Amino acid sequence: MRSDARANRDRLLAAAEEVFGEAGAGAATDEIARRAGVGIGTLFRHFPTKQDLIEATLLRHLGLLVDEAHRLADDAPPGEALSTMIRTMVSGAPAKVALFGLLSAEGGMTAAAIRASGELRAAVADLLVRAQQAGMARADASVDEVYLLLRGLSQATTIAGADPDTLDRAVRIILDGLAAPAAR
């Protein structure tokens, strides 16, 4: 792929994540193209169907989260890495919830989306285990529980909205609950 075509594709996916996060199923492809600074024809050359666009946007979103989890595992202390990852996942929740819902509605989860979701879950599990081994996260917490808490907060935020201060306090409550007693 030529560098200008790759740049257009990247801008389209970033714009699509933003627009799907804001409008959900009502996201218009012409708005995505406009925000990406390209014509609608360019969008459809890269993504012939809305399903293709939704899947590619979701895969990009999940891939960026996996990359961030790996970066945090390498560069941050374990407790901070887990905390930052949880905050990052919650901040991107509206787009992720919309994309998963749209992909399911448009034809179901694809093998690539299931695989990418599993990679993210494994990366979050790794951060949790590292934090537990460092005594920064409670030993009895599992990635299933962390995901349930994240899903609940993400769904509530997507449906009802929350001002940034309230959302920050809710995340802090989750993090306090995950902290090992000695780390509180």
Protein backbone atom coordinates (compact mmCIF):
# COMPACT_ATOMS: atom_id res chain seq x y z
CA MET A 1 0.00 0.00 0.00
CA ARG A 2 1.35 3.44 -0.91
CA SER A 3 2.21 5.76 1.97
CA ASP A 4 -0.53 8.27 1.06
CA ALA A 5 -3.12 5.48 0.87
CA ARG A 6 -1.93 4.16 4.25
CA ALA A 7 -2.18 7.66 5.73
CA ASN A 8 -5.73 8.03 4.35
CA ARG A 9 -6.68 4.65 5.82
CA ASP A 10 -5.26 5.58 9.22
CA ARG A 11 -7.11 8.92 9.22
CA LEU A 12 -10.34 7.17 8.20
CA LEU A 13 -10.05 4.65 11.03
CA ALA A 14 -9.30 7.35 13.61
CA ALA A 15 -12.25 9.42 12.38
CA ALA A 16 -14.50 6.35 12.32
CA GLU A 17 -13.68 5.55 15.94
CA GLU A 18 -14.56 9.09 16.93
CA VAL A 19 -17.81 9.20 14.93
CA PHE A 20 -18.98 5.71 15.95
CA GLY A 21 -18.21 6.62 19.58
CA GLU A 22 -20.39 9.71 19.28
CA ALA A 23 -23.23 8.48 17.07
CA GLY A 24 -23.25 4.68 17.38
CA ALA A 25 -25.45 3.09 14.72
CA GLY A 26 -26.34 6.55 13.43
CA ALA A 27 -22.76 7.22 12.34
CA ALA A 28 -22.70 8.49 8.77
CA THR A 29 -19.93 7.45 6.42
CA ASP A 30 -19.88 10.91 4.85
CA GLU A 31 -19.15 12.42 8.28
CA ILE A 32 -16.31 9.93 8.77
CA ALA A 33 -14.83 10.87 5.38
CA ARG A 34 -15.23 14.59 6.13
CA ARG A 35 -13.43 14.31 9.48
CA ALA A 36 -10.67 12.27 7.88
CA GLY A 37 -10.25 14.94 5.22
CA VAL A 38 -10.96 12.59 2.31
CA GLY A 39 -13.79 12.04 -0.16
CA ILE A 40 -16.45 9.40 0.29
CA GLY A 41 -14.98 7.50 -2.67
CA THR A 42 -11.70 7.13 -0.80
CA LEU A 43 -13.57 5.73 2.19
CA PHE A 44 -15.35 3.14 0.05
CA ARG A 45 -12.15 2.19 -1.80
CA HIS A 46 -10.62 1.24 1.54
CA PHE A 47 -13.80 -0.16 3.10
CA PRO A 48 -16.35 -1.34 0.50
CA THR A 49 -19.02 -1.98 3.16
CA LYS A 50 -19.91 -0.42 6.48
CA GLN A 51 -19.24 -3.84 8.04
CA ASP A 52 -15.65 -3.68 6.72
CA LEU A 53 -15.23 -0.20 8.21
CA ILE A 54 -16.68 -1.22 11.58
CA GLU A 55 -14.47 -4.30 11.82
CA ALA A 56 -11.30 -2.45 10.80
CA THR A 57 -12.07 0.33 13.29
CA LEU A 58 -12.64 -2.14 16.10
CA LEU A 59 -9.46 -4.07 15.25
CA ARG A 60 -7.48 -0.81 15.25
CA HIS A 61 -8.99 0.21 18.61
CA LEU A 62 -8.21 -3.15 20.21
CA GLY A 63 -4.72 -3.23 18.68
CA LEU A 64 -3.90 0.19 20.11
CA LEU A 65 -5.06 -0.97 23.54
CA VAL A 66 -2.92 -4.12 23.32
CA ASP A 67 0.08 -2.00 22.30
CA GLU A 68 -0.55 0.33 25.23
CA ALA A 69 -0.77 -2.60 27.66
CA HIS A 70 2.55 -3.97 26.40
CA ARG A 71 4.15 -0.52 26.63
CA LEU A 72 2.90 -0.10 30.18
CA ALA A 73 4.16 -3.56 31.15
CA ASP A 74 7.61 -2.60 29.89
CA ASP A 75 7.79 1.00 31.12
CA ALA A 76 5.66 1.52 34.25
CA PRO A 77 5.64 0.08 37.76
CA PRO A 78 3.07 -2.77 37.97
CA GLY A 79 0.40 -0.98 40.02
CA GLU A 80 0.65 2.14 37.90
CA ALA A 81 0.54 0.08 34.70
CA LEU A 82 -2.72 -1.62 35.72
CA SER A 83 -4.26 1.64 36.90
CA THR A 84 -3.33 3.48 33.72
CA MET A 85 -4.64 0.67 31.53
CA ILE A 86 -7.98 0.63 33.32
CA ARG A 87 -8.29 4.40 32.91
CA THR A 88 -7.35 4.11 29.23
CA MET A 89 -9.94 1.41 28.62
CA VAL A 90 -12.69 3.38 30.36
CA SER A 91 -11.87 6.56 28.43
CA GLY A 92 -12.31 4.70 25.12
CA ALA A 93 -15.43 2.87 26.22
CA PRO A 94 -18.05 4.69 24.13
CA ALA A 95 -16.30 3.85 20.87
CA LYS A 96 -15.56 0.26 21.89
CA VAL A 97 -19.12 -0.42 23.08
CA ALA A 98 -20.56 1.09 19.90
CA LEU A 99 -18.19 -0.85 17.65
CA PHE A 100 -18.81 -4.21 19.34
CA GLY A 101 -22.56 -3.60 19.18
CA LEU A 102 -22.47 -2.58 15.53
CA LEU A 103 -20.26 -5.48 14.51
CA SER A 104 -22.59 -7.92 16.26
CA ALA A 105 -25.65 -6.32 14.64
CA GLU A 106 -24.11 -6.21 11.17
CA GLY A 107 -23.30 -9.89 10.94
CA GLY A 108 -21.74 -11.09 14.14
CA MET A 109 -18.31 -11.12 15.64
CA THR A 110 -15.60 -12.06 13.20
CA ALA A 111 -12.72 -14.39 13.95
CA ALA A 112 -10.32 -11.44 13.77
CA ALA A 113 -12.37 -9.44 16.30
CA ILE A 114 -12.60 -12.40 18.67
CA ARG A 115 -8.84 -12.95 18.39
CA ALA A 116 -8.06 -9.24 18.99
CA SER A 117 -10.40 -9.16 21.97
CA GLY A 118 -8.64 -12.21 23.41
CA GLU A 119 -5.25 -10.57 22.93
CA LEU A 120 -6.43 -7.53 24.88
CA ARG A 121 -7.85 -9.68 27.65
CA ALA A 122 -4.53 -11.57 27.91
CA ALA A 123 -2.59 -8.29 28.05
CA VAL A 124 -4.85 -6.96 30.83
CA ALA A 125 -4.52 -10.28 32.68
CA ASP A 126 -0.74 -9.95 32.45
CA LEU A 127 -0.88 -6.44 33.95
CA LEU A 128 -3.12 -7.71 36.75
CA VAL A 129 -0.78 -10.62 37.57
CA ARG A 130 2.22 -8.29 37.58
CA ALA A 131 0.43 -5.92 39.96
CA GLN A 132 -0.55 -8.85 42.19
CA GLN A 133 3.01 -10.17 42.26
CA ALA A 134 4.25 -6.71 43.24
CA GLY A 135 1.71 -6.57 46.08
CA MET A 136 -0.16 -3.70 44.43
CA ALA A 137 -3.37 -5.56 43.52
CA ARG A 138 -5.42 -7.87 45.68
CA ALA A 139 -4.45 -11.49 45.19
CA ASP A 140 -8.02 -12.75 44.89
CA ALA A 141 -8.95 -10.55 41.90
CA SER A 142 -9.25 -12.19 38.50
CA VAL A 143 -9.28 -10.72 35.02
CA ASP A 144 -12.92 -11.86 34.79
CA GLU A 145 -13.82 -9.58 37.69
CA VAL A 146 -11.80 -6.69 36.30
CA TYR A 147 -13.55 -7.07 32.95
CA LEU A 148 -16.97 -7.25 34.59
CA LEU A 149 -16.27 -3.99 36.45
CA LEU A 150 -14.94 -2.35 33.29
CA ARG A 151 -17.90 -3.56 31.24
CA GLY A 152 -20.36 -2.28 33.80
CA LEU A 153 -18.75 1.14 34.01
CA SER A 154 -18.34 1.31 30.23
CA GLN A 155 -21.97 0.41 29.55
CA ALA A 156 -23.26 2.84 32.17
CA THR A 157 -21.10 5.64 30.85
CA THR A 158 -22.09 4.94 27.25
CA ILE A 159 -25.82 4.79 28.00
CA ALA A 160 -26.22 7.48 30.65
CA GLY A 161 -23.08 9.53 30.23
CA ALA A 162 -21.06 10.89 33.09
CA ASP A 163 -19.24 14.10 33.68
CA PRO A 164 -15.46 13.66 33.80
CA ASP A 165 -15.20 14.19 37.57
CA THR A 166 -17.85 11.55 38.32
CA LEU A 167 -16.22 9.12 35.91
CA ASP A 168 -12.81 9.74 37.49
CA ARG A 169 -14.22 9.05 40.98
CA ALA A 170 -15.92 5.85 39.76
CA VAL A 171 -12.64 4.61 38.28
CA ARG A 172 -10.85 5.53 41.52
CA ILE A 173 -13.39 3.44 43.48
CA ILE A 174 -12.72 0.46 41.21
CA LEU A 175 -8.97 0.92 41.58
CA ASP A 176 -9.27 1.24 45.36
CA GLY A 177 -11.24 -2.01 45.41
CA LEU A 178 -8.57 -3.76 43.34
CA ALA A 179 -5.69 -2.49 45.46
CA ALA A 180 -4.04 -4.92 47.84
CA PRO A 181 -4.80 -4.03 51.48
CA ALA A 182 -1.16 -3.01 52.07
CA ALA A 183 -1.22 -0.75 48.97
CA ARG A 184 -4.30 1.26 50.03
